[in-house]
Structures are given as structure tokens and as C-alpha cells.
């Protein structure tokens, strides 16, 4: 658990840890050393925002690949896979 002093010394690193914990859940612990090292490299708000954008793009690309990979099997079952913004389904 991070102390208050640790958080204040590297708030962007702490924010990264929080986001990564939410994404990885039970897989976080085995990845914590690299998350710590990445967090110490995010010195500016621009660094943090850029890394978060990269992380979001990777996550989204993986999700879309999964949808595309399973689309054919869903079609065979009479289903259609579409990704639409919330409220537009």
C-alpha cells in the first residue's frame, strides 16, 4: 500500500497504478514491478495523458479484434455483432 508521501511524490505514477489495477484486477500483482517502473517515467501531465491514450488504444484494438474474430461464428448462429456507443443500440 502506498503511503501518502509516496502518492504526493509521484501522483501520476499512483494514478497509473490505480488504472492498471482496475484493468488487470487479479493479474495486477504479477505486473506491479513494470507498472512501478513505468509510473516513475511519467513525469509530466503530457506523459501521463499520452500513455493513457496508448493504453486505451491498445485495449480498444484488442476488443475490436475480438469482436471481428468472433463475428463469423456469431453469424453462423444467426447473430450479428455490432459495437455502438451506449444508448444507440
PDB file of N, CA and C in Angstrom:
ATOM      1  N   UNK A   1       0.847  -1.177   0.000  1.00  0.00           N
ATOM      2  CA  UNK A   1       0.000   0.000   0.000  1.00  0.00           C
ATOM      3  C   UNK A   1       0.891   1.237   0.000  1.00  0.00           C
ATOM      4  N   UNK A   2       0.599   2.167  -0.869  1.00  0.00           N
ATOM      5  CA  UNK A   2       1.390   3.380  -0.985  1.00  0.00           C
ATOM      6  C   UNK A   2       1.073   4.333   0.161  1.00  0.00           C
ATOM      7  N   UNK A   3       2.105   4.959   0.673  1.00  0.00           N
ATOM      8  CA  UNK A   3       1.895   5.958   1.712  1.00  0.00           C
ATOM      9  C   UNK A   3       1.499   7.274   1.061  1.00  0.00           C
ATOM     10  N   UNK A   4       0.977   8.175   1.869  1.00  0.00           N
ATOM     11  CA  UNK A   4       0.576   9.485   1.385  1.00  0.00           C
ATOM     12  C   UNK A   4       1.772  10.208   0.776  1.00  0.00           C
ATOM     13  N   UNK A   5       2.941  10.074   1.376  1.00  0.00           N
ATOM     14  CA  UNK A   5       4.156  10.710   0.868  1.00  0.00           C
ATOM     15  C   UNK A   5       4.527  10.150  -0.504  1.00  0.00           C
ATOM     16  N   UNK A   6       4.394   8.853  -0.697  1.00  0.00           N
ATOM     17  CA  UNK A   6       4.667   8.235  -1.999  1.00  0.00           C
ATOM     18  C   UNK A   6       3.735   8.780  -3.077  1.00  0.00           C
ATOM     19  N   UNK A   7       2.467   8.914  -2.719  1.00  0.00           N
ATOM     20  CA  UNK A   7       1.481   9.417  -3.672  1.00  0.00           C
ATOM     21  C   UNK A   7       1.807  10.856  -4.053  1.00  0.00           C
ATOM     22  N   UNK A   8       2.146  11.668  -3.080  1.00  0.00           N
ATOM     23  CA  UNK A   8       2.458  13.072  -3.350  1.00  0.00           C
ATOM     24  C   UNK A   8       3.756  13.215  -4.151  1.00  0.00           C
ATOM     25  N   UNK A   9       4.692  12.327  -3.942  1.00  0.00           N
ATOM     26  CA  UNK A   9       5.969  12.390  -4.665  1.00  0.00           C
ATOM     27  C   UNK A   9       5.797  12.015  -6.135  1.00  0.00           C
ATOM     28  N   UNK A  10       4.860  11.138  -6.436  1.00  0.00           N
ATOM     29  CA  UNK A  10       4.649  10.703  -7.813  1.00  0.00           C
ATOM     30  C   UNK A  10       3.152  10.473  -8.059  1.00  0.00           C
ATOM     31  N   UNK A  11       2.371  11.558  -8.142  1.00  0.00           N
ATOM     32  CA  UNK A  11       0.916  11.378  -8.312  1.00  0.00           C
ATOM     33  C   UNK A  11       0.533  10.698  -9.626  1.00  0.00           C
ATOM     34  N   UNK A  12       1.294  10.940 -10.691  1.00  0.00           N
ATOM     35  CA  UNK A  12       0.971  10.310 -11.975  1.00  0.00           C
ATOM     36  C   UNK A  12       1.242   8.809 -11.912  1.00  0.00           C
ATOM     37  N   UNK A  13       2.299   8.419 -11.233  1.00  0.00           N
ATOM     38  CA  UNK A  13       2.590   7.003 -11.043  1.00  0.00           C
ATOM     39  C   UNK A  13       1.512   6.320 -10.230  1.00  0.00           C
ATOM     40  N   UNK A  14       1.017   7.018  -9.216  1.00  0.00           N
ATOM     41  CA  UNK A  14      -0.058   6.457  -8.398  1.00  0.00           C
ATOM     42  C   UNK A  14      -1.344   6.323  -9.216  1.00  0.00           C
ATOM     43  N   UNK A  15      -1.635   7.331 -10.032  1.00  0.00           N
ATOM     44  CA  UNK A  15      -2.831   7.268 -10.889  1.00  0.00           C
ATOM     45  C   UNK A  15      -2.716   6.102 -11.870  1.00  0.00           C
ATOM     46  N   UNK A  16      -1.519   5.908 -12.431  1.00  0.00           N
ATOM     47  CA  UNK A  16      -1.295   4.785 -13.344  1.00  0.00           C
ATOM     48  C   UNK A  16      -1.540   3.458 -12.629  1.00  0.00           C
ATOM     49  N   UNK A  17      -1.033   3.321 -11.411  1.00  0.00           N
ATOM     50  CA  UNK A  17      -1.233   2.089 -10.651  1.00  0.00           C
ATOM     51  C   UNK A  17      -2.722   1.822 -10.430  1.00  0.00           C
ATOM     52  N   UNK A  18      -3.469   2.866 -10.117  1.00  0.00           N
ATOM     53  CA  UNK A  18      -4.900   2.717  -9.873  1.00  0.00           C
ATOM     54  C   UNK A  18      -5.617   2.240 -11.142  1.00  0.00           C
ATOM     55  N   UNK A  19      -5.296   2.863 -12.279  1.00  0.00           N
ATOM     56  CA  UNK A  19      -5.920   2.474 -13.547  1.00  0.00           C
ATOM     57  C   UNK A  19      -5.542   1.038 -13.914  1.00  0.00           C
ATOM     58  N   UNK A  20      -4.267   0.717 -13.783  1.00  0.00           N
ATOM     59  CA  UNK A  20      -3.810  -0.631 -14.140  1.00  0.00           C
ATOM     60  C   UNK A  20      -4.429  -1.681 -13.220  1.00  0.00           C
ATOM     61  N   UNK A  21      -4.596  -1.343 -11.943  1.00  0.00           N
ATOM     62  CA  UNK A  21      -5.239  -2.281 -11.024  1.00  0.00           C
ATOM     63  C   UNK A  21      -6.685  -2.537 -11.445  1.00  0.00           C
ATOM     64  N   UNK A  22      -7.396  -1.483 -11.849  1.00  0.00           N
ATOM     65  CA  UNK A  22      -8.778  -1.648 -12.296  1.00  0.00           C
ATOM     66  C   UNK A  22      -8.858  -2.507 -13.555  1.00  0.00           C
ATOM     67  N   UNK A  23      -7.910  -2.333 -14.465  1.00  0.00           N
ATOM     68  CA  UNK A  23      -7.908  -3.114 -15.706  1.00  0.00           C
ATOM     69  C   UNK A  23      -7.485  -4.560 -15.479  1.00  0.00           C
ATOM     70  N   UNK A  24      -6.402  -4.739 -14.746  1.00  0.00           N
ATOM     71  CA  UNK A  24      -5.791  -6.066 -14.625  1.00  0.00           C
ATOM     72  C   UNK A  24      -6.397  -6.923 -13.519  1.00  0.00           C
ATOM     73  N   UNK A  25      -6.950  -6.302 -12.511  1.00  0.00           N
ATOM     74  CA  UNK A  25      -7.529  -6.986 -11.356  1.00  0.00           C
ATOM     75  C   UNK A  25      -6.595  -8.042 -10.792  1.00  0.00           C
ATOM     76  N   UNK A  26      -6.953  -9.330 -10.872  1.00  0.00           N
ATOM     77  CA  UNK A  26      -6.122 -10.366 -10.245  1.00  0.00           C
ATOM     78  C   UNK A  26      -4.760 -10.518 -10.917  1.00  0.00           C
ATOM     79  N   UNK A  27      -4.586  -9.964 -12.099  1.00  0.00           N
ATOM     80  CA  UNK A  27      -3.291 -10.038 -12.794  1.00  0.00           C
ATOM     81  C   UNK A  27      -2.364  -8.876 -12.438  1.00  0.00           C
ATOM     82  N   UNK A  28      -2.860  -7.934 -11.649  1.00  0.00           N
ATOM     83  CA  UNK A  28      -2.070  -6.749 -11.324  1.00  0.00           C
ATOM     84  C   UNK A  28      -0.776  -7.104 -10.582  1.00  0.00           C
ATOM     85  N   UNK A  29      -0.875  -7.958  -9.581  1.00  0.00           N
ATOM     86  CA  UNK A  29       0.277  -8.245  -8.717  1.00  0.00           C
ATOM     87  C   UNK A  29       1.484  -8.722  -9.510  1.00  0.00           C
ATOM     88  N   UNK A  30       1.281  -9.600 -10.459  1.00  0.00           N
ATOM     89  CA  UNK A  30       2.421 -10.107 -11.229  1.00  0.00           C
ATOM     90  C   UNK A  30       2.992  -9.049 -12.174  1.00  0.00           C
ATOM     91  N   UNK A  31       2.232  -7.994 -12.464  1.00  0.00           N
ATOM     92  CA  UNK A  31       2.698  -6.922 -13.341  1.00  0.00           C
ATOM     93  C   UNK A  31       3.115  -5.663 -12.582  1.00  0.00           C
ATOM     94  N   UNK A  32       2.980  -5.661 -11.278  1.00  0.00           N
ATOM     95  CA  UNK A  32       3.259  -4.469 -10.484  1.00  0.00           C
ATOM     96  C   UNK A  32       4.679  -3.927 -10.652  1.00  0.00           C
ATOM     97  N   UNK A  33       5.706  -4.768 -10.740  1.00  0.00           N
ATOM     98  CA  UNK A  33       7.056  -4.198 -10.912  1.00  0.00           C
ATOM     99  C   UNK A  33       7.195  -3.337 -12.173  1.00  0.00           C
ATOM    100  N   UNK A  34       6.651  -3.768 -13.285  1.00  0.00           N
ATOM    101  CA  UNK A  34       6.765  -2.970 -14.508  1.00  0.00           C
ATOM    102  C   UNK A  34       5.865  -1.736 -14.436  1.00  0.00           C
ATOM    103  N   UNK A  35       4.718  -1.854 -13.787  1.00  0.00           N
ATOM    104  CA  UNK A  35       3.845  -0.696 -13.607  1.00  0.00           C
ATOM    105  C   UNK A  35       4.564   0.354 -12.761  1.00  0.00           C
ATOM    106  N   UNK A  36       5.261  -0.071 -11.725  1.00  0.00           N
ATOM    107  CA  UNK A  36       6.048   0.855 -10.895  1.00  0.00           C
ATOM    108  C   UNK A  36       7.100   1.579 -11.727  1.00  0.00           C
ATOM    109  N   UNK A  37       7.811   0.827 -12.551  1.00  0.00           N
ATOM    110  CA  UNK A  37       8.866   1.448 -13.368  1.00  0.00           C
ATOM    111  C   UNK A  37       8.273   2.408 -14.392  1.00  0.00           C
ATOM    112  N   UNK A  38       7.166   2.027 -15.005  1.00  0.00           N
ATOM    113  CA  UNK A  38       6.508   2.926 -15.955  1.00  0.00           C
ATOM    114  C   UNK A  38       6.020   4.192 -15.256  1.00  0.00           C
ATOM    115  N   UNK A  39       5.460   4.020 -14.082  1.00  0.00           N
ATOM    116  CA  UNK A  39       4.948   5.158 -13.327  1.00  0.00           C
ATOM    117  C   UNK A  39       6.016   6.184 -12.998  1.00  0.00           C
ATOM    118  N   UNK A  40       7.220   5.724 -12.748  1.00  0.00           N
ATOM    119  CA  UNK A  40       8.293   6.670 -12.422  1.00  0.00           C
ATOM    120  C   UNK A  40       8.769   7.432 -13.660  1.00  0.00           C
ATOM    121  N   UNK A  41       8.443   6.944 -14.853  1.00  0.00           N
ATOM    122  CA  UNK A  41       8.847   7.621 -16.088  1.00  0.00           C
ATOM    123  C   UNK A  41       7.835   8.677 -16.539  1.00  0.00           C
ATOM    124  N   UNK A  42       6.647   8.663 -15.967  1.00  0.00           N
ATOM    125  CA  UNK A  42       5.598   9.612 -16.362  1.00  0.00           C
ATOM    126  C   UNK A  42       5.726  10.876 -15.512  1.00  0.00           C
ATOM    127  N   UNK A  43       6.576  11.786 -15.963  1.00  0.00           N
ATOM    128  CA  UNK A  43       6.891  12.971 -15.167  1.00  0.00           C
ATOM    129  C   UNK A  43       5.928  14.136 -15.392  1.00  0.00           C
ATOM    130  N   UNK A  44       5.400  14.270 -16.593  1.00  0.00           N
ATOM    131  CA  UNK A  44       4.548  15.413 -16.893  1.00  0.00           C
ATOM    132  C   UNK A  44       3.121  14.946 -17.151  1.00  0.00           C
ATOM    133  N   UNK A  45       2.204  15.884 -17.119  1.00  0.00           N
ATOM    134  CA  UNK A  45       0.811  15.568 -17.429  1.00  0.00           C
ATOM    135  C   UNK A  45       0.701  15.062 -18.869  1.00  0.00           C
ATOM    136  N   UNK A  46       1.512  15.630 -19.749  1.00  0.00           N
ATOM    137  CA  UNK A  46       1.528  15.200 -21.147  1.00  0.00           C
ATOM    138  C   UNK A  46       1.987  13.749 -21.264  1.00  0.00           C
ATOM    139  N   UNK A  47       3.013  13.366 -20.502  1.00  0.00           N
ATOM    140  CA  UNK A  47       3.474  11.971 -20.483  1.00  0.00           C
ATOM    141  C   UNK A  47       2.337  11.047 -20.045  1.00  0.00           C
ATOM    142  N   UNK A  48       1.683  11.441 -18.965  1.00  0.00           N
ATOM    143  CA  UNK A  48       0.598  10.619 -18.417  1.00  0.00           C
ATOM    144  C   UNK A  48      -0.551  10.496 -19.413  1.00  0.00           C
ATOM    145  N   UNK A  49      -0.988  11.616 -19.964  1.00  0.00           N
ATOM    146  CA  UNK A  49      -2.093  11.591 -20.919  1.00  0.00           C
ATOM    147  C   UNK A  49      -1.733  10.781 -22.166  1.00  0.00           C
ATOM    148  N   UNK A  50      -0.506  10.943 -22.657  1.00  0.00           N
ATOM    149  CA  UNK A  50      -0.064  10.171 -23.818  1.00  0.00           C
ATOM    150  C   UNK A  50      -0.053   8.681 -23.549  1.00  0.00           C
ATOM    151  N   UNK A  51       0.418   8.288 -22.366  1.00  0.00           N
ATOM    152  CA  UNK A  51       0.451   6.867 -22.030  1.00  0.00           C
ATOM    153  C   UNK A  51      -0.964   6.323 -21.851  1.00  0.00           C
ATOM    154  N   UNK A  52      -1.839   7.106 -21.239  1.00  0.00           N
ATOM    155  CA  UNK A  52      -3.225   6.665 -21.077  1.00  0.00           C
ATOM    156  C   UNK A  52      -3.903   6.509 -22.438  1.00  0.00           C
ATOM    157  N   UNK A  53      -3.591   7.388 -23.368  1.00  0.00           N
ATOM    158  CA  UNK A  53      -4.137   7.278 -24.730  1.00  0.00           C
ATOM    159  C   UNK A  53      -3.616   5.997 -25.388  1.00  0.00           C
ATOM    160  N   UNK A  54      -2.330   5.720 -25.245  1.00  0.00           N
ATOM    161  CA  UNK A  54      -1.764   4.482 -25.781  1.00  0.00           C
ATOM    162  C   UNK A  54      -2.451   3.265 -25.167  1.00  0.00           C
ATOM    163  N   UNK A  55      -2.611   3.268 -23.863  1.00  0.00           N
ATOM    164  CA  UNK A  55      -3.243   2.151 -23.172  1.00  0.00           C
ATOM    165  C   UNK A  55      -4.677   1.955 -23.652  1.00  0.00           C
ATOM    166  N   UNK A  56      -5.401   3.048 -23.811  1.00  0.00           N
ATOM    167  CA  UNK A  56      -6.775   2.986 -24.297  1.00  0.00           C
ATOM    168  C   UNK A  56      -6.828   2.450 -25.720  1.00  0.00           C
ATOM    169  N   UNK A  57      -5.908   2.899 -26.579  1.00  0.00           N
ATOM    170  CA  UNK A  57      -5.879   2.423 -27.962  1.00  0.00           C
ATOM    171  C   UNK A  57      -5.584   0.925 -28.028  1.00  0.00           C
ATOM    172  N   UNK A  58      -4.651   0.454 -27.207  1.00  0.00           N
ATOM    173  CA  UNK A  58      -4.321  -0.977 -27.193  1.00  0.00           C
ATOM    174  C   UNK A  58      -5.527  -1.791 -26.706  1.00  0.00           C
ATOM    175  N   UNK A  59      -6.165  -1.323 -25.651  1.00  0.00           N
ATOM    176  CA  UNK A  59      -7.336  -2.020 -25.110  1.00  0.00           C
ATOM    177  C   UNK A  59      -8.456  -2.068 -26.148  1.00  0.00           C
ATOM    178  N   UNK A  60      -8.720  -0.932 -26.777  1.00  0.00           N
ATOM    179  CA  UNK A  60      -9.780  -0.861 -27.780  1.00  0.00           C
ATOM    180  C   UNK A  60      -9.458  -1.730 -28.997  1.00  0.00           C
ATOM    181  N   UNK A  61      -8.217  -1.719 -29.441  1.00  0.00           N
ATOM    182  CA  UNK A  61      -7.823  -2.535 -30.592  1.00  0.00           C
ATOM    183  C   UNK A  61      -8.022  -4.021 -30.284  1.00  0.00           C
ATOM    184  N   UNK A  62      -7.661  -4.447 -29.078  1.00  0.00           N
ATOM    185  CA  UNK A  62      -7.859  -5.836 -28.681  1.00  0.00           C
ATOM    186  C   UNK A  62      -9.326  -6.210 -28.633  1.00  0.00           C
ATOM    187  N   UNK A  63     -10.137  -5.306 -28.126  1.00  0.00           N
ATOM    188  CA  UNK A  63     -11.581  -5.557 -28.055  1.00  0.00           C
ATOM    189  C   UNK A  63     -12.169  -5.686 -29.458  1.00  0.00           C
ATOM    190  N   UNK A  64     -11.824  -4.755 -30.331  1.00  0.00           N
ATOM    191  CA  UNK A  64     -12.356  -4.781 -31.693  1.00  0.00           C
ATOM    192  C   UNK A  64     -11.879  -6.020 -32.448  1.00  0.00           C
ATOM    193  N   UNK A  65     -10.644  -6.449 -32.223  1.00  0.00           N
ATOM    194  CA  UNK A  65     -10.138  -7.672 -32.845  1.00  0.00           C
ATOM    195  C   UNK A  65     -10.939  -8.876 -32.356  1.00  0.00           C
ATOM    196  N   UNK A  66     -11.246  -8.895 -31.083  1.00  0.00           N
ATOM    197  CA  UNK A  66     -12.043  -9.986 -30.532  1.00  0.00           C
ATOM    198  C   UNK A  66     -13.427 -10.026 -31.174  1.00  0.00           C
ATOM    199  N   UNK A  67     -14.054  -8.868 -31.324  1.00  0.00           N
ATOM    200  CA  UNK A  67     -15.374  -8.808 -31.965  1.00  0.00           C
ATOM    201  C   UNK A  67     -15.272  -9.319 -33.400  1.00  0.00           C
ATOM    202  N   UNK A  68     -14.262  -8.859 -34.124  1.00  0.00           N
ATOM    203  CA  UNK A  68     -14.100  -9.278 -35.525  1.00  0.00           C
ATOM    204  C   UNK A  68     -13.825 -10.781 -35.620  1.00  0.00           C
ATOM    205  N   UNK A  69     -12.971 -11.297 -34.728  1.00  0.00           N
ATOM    206  CA  UNK A  69     -12.641 -12.720 -34.749  1.00  0.00           C
ATOM    207  C   UNK A  69     -13.857 -13.606 -34.489  1.00  0.00           C
ATOM    208  N   UNK A  70     -14.781 -13.142 -33.673  1.00  0.00           N
ATOM    209  CA  UNK A  70     -15.946 -13.953 -33.322  1.00  0.00           C
ATOM    210  C   UNK A  70     -17.171 -13.661 -34.190  1.00  0.00           C
ATOM    211  N   UNK A  71     -17.086 -12.656 -35.007  1.00  0.00           N
ATOM    212  CA  UNK A  71     -18.232 -12.253 -35.816  1.00  0.00           C
ATOM    213  C   UNK A  71     -18.732 -13.372 -36.720  1.00  0.00           C
ATOM    214  N   UNK A  72     -17.832 -14.080 -37.368  1.00  0.00           N
ATOM    215  CA  UNK A  72     -18.228 -15.154 -38.284  1.00  0.00           C
ATOM    216  C   UNK A  72     -18.966 -16.267 -37.556  1.00  0.00           C
ATOM    217  N   UNK A  73     -18.474 -16.663 -36.387  1.00  0.00           N
ATOM    218  CA  UNK A  73     -19.157 -17.705 -35.618  1.00  0.00           C
ATOM    219  C   UNK A  73     -20.545 -17.237 -35.174  1.00  0.00           C
ATOM    220  N   UNK A  74     -20.646 -15.965 -34.817  1.00  0.00           N
ATOM    221  CA  UNK A  74     -21.948 -15.432 -34.416  1.00  0.00           C
ATOM    222  C   UNK A  74     -22.921 -15.406 -35.587  1.00  0.00           C
ATOM    223  N   UNK A  75     -22.421 -15.077 -36.785  1.00  0.00           N
ATOM    224  CA  UNK A  75     -23.271 -15.061 -37.970  1.00  0.00           C
ATOM    225  C   UNK A  75     -23.843 -16.446 -38.235  1.00  0.00           C
ATOM    226  N   UNK A  76     -23.019 -17.473 -38.045  1.00  0.00           N
ATOM    227  CA  UNK A  76     -23.485 -18.848 -38.251  1.00  0.00           C
ATOM    228  C   UNK A  76     -24.606 -19.211 -37.290  1.00  0.00           C
ATOM    229  N   UNK A  77     -24.600 -18.578 -36.132  1.00  0.00           N
ATOM    230  CA  UNK A  77     -25.646 -18.841 -35.141  1.00  0.00           C
ATOM    231  C   UNK A  77     -26.836 -17.897 -35.313  1.00  0.00           C
ATOM    232  N   UNK A  78     -26.791 -17.078 -36.359  1.00  0.00           N
ATOM    233  CA  UNK A  78     -27.890 -16.161 -36.617  1.00  0.00           C
ATOM    234  C   UNK A  78     -27.825 -14.861 -35.840  1.00  0.00           C
ATOM    235  N   UNK A  79     -26.658 -14.558 -35.287  1.00  0.00           N
ATOM    236  CA  UNK A  79     -26.477 -13.339 -34.503  1.00  0.00           C
ATOM    237  C   UNK A  79     -25.560 -12.371 -35.242  1.00  0.00           C
ATOM    238  N   UNK A  80     -25.677 -11.105 -34.921  1.00  0.00           N
ATOM    239  CA  UNK A  80     -24.816 -10.085 -35.512  1.00  0.00           C
ATOM    240  C   UNK A  80     -24.116  -9.345 -34.387  1.00  0.00           C
ATOM    241  N   UNK A  81     -22.809  -9.181 -34.516  1.00  0.00           N
ATOM    242  CA  UNK A  81     -22.034  -8.435 -33.528  1.00  0.00           C
ATOM    243  C   UNK A  81     -21.799  -7.028 -34.049  1.00  0.00           C
ATOM    244  N   UNK A  82     -22.245  -6.041 -33.266  1.00  0.00           N
ATOM    245  CA  UNK A  82     -22.007  -4.641 -33.606  1.00  0.00           C
ATOM    246  C   UNK A  82     -21.534  -3.933 -32.344  1.00  0.00           C
ATOM    247  N   UNK A  83     -20.606  -3.013 -32.515  1.00  0.00           N
ATOM    248  CA  UNK A  83     -20.154  -2.189 -31.403  1.00  0.00           C
ATOM    249  C   UNK A  83     -20.656  -0.784 -31.682  1.00  0.00           C
ATOM    250  N   UNK A  84     -21.509  -0.297 -30.788  1.00  0.00           N
ATOM    251  CA  UNK A  84     -22.093   1.041 -30.943  1.00  0.00           C
ATOM    252  C   UNK A  84     -21.954   1.798 -29.627  1.00  0.00           C
ATOM    253  N   UNK A  85     -21.981   3.123 -29.696  1.00  0.00           N
ATOM    254  CA  UNK A  85     -21.920   3.900 -28.459  1.00  0.00           C
ATOM    255  C   UNK A  85     -23.100   3.589 -27.559  1.00  0.00           C
ATOM    256  N   UNK A  86     -22.945   3.741 -26.246  1.00  0.00           N
ATOM    257  CA  UNK A  86     -24.049   3.492 -25.315  1.00  0.00           C
ATOM    258  C   UNK A  86     -25.279   4.315 -25.697  1.00  0.00           C
ATOM    259  N   UNK A  87     -26.433   3.714 -25.594  1.00  0.00           N
ATOM    260  CA  UNK A  87     -27.673   4.404 -25.879  1.00  0.00           C
ATOM    261  C   UNK A  87     -28.080   4.400 -27.336  1.00  0.00           C
ATOM    262  N   UNK A  88     -27.232   3.836 -28.219  1.00  0.00           N
ATOM    263  CA  UNK A  88     -27.543   3.795 -29.644  1.00  0.00           C
ATOM    264  C   UNK A  88     -27.722   2.379 -30.157  1.00  0.00           C
ATOM    265  N   UNK A  89     -27.998   1.460 -29.277  1.00  0.00           N
ATOM    266  CA  UNK A  89     -28.144   0.055 -29.673  1.00  0.00           C
ATOM    267  C   UNK A  89     -29.447  -0.223 -30.351  1.00  0.00           C
TER     268      UNK A  89
END
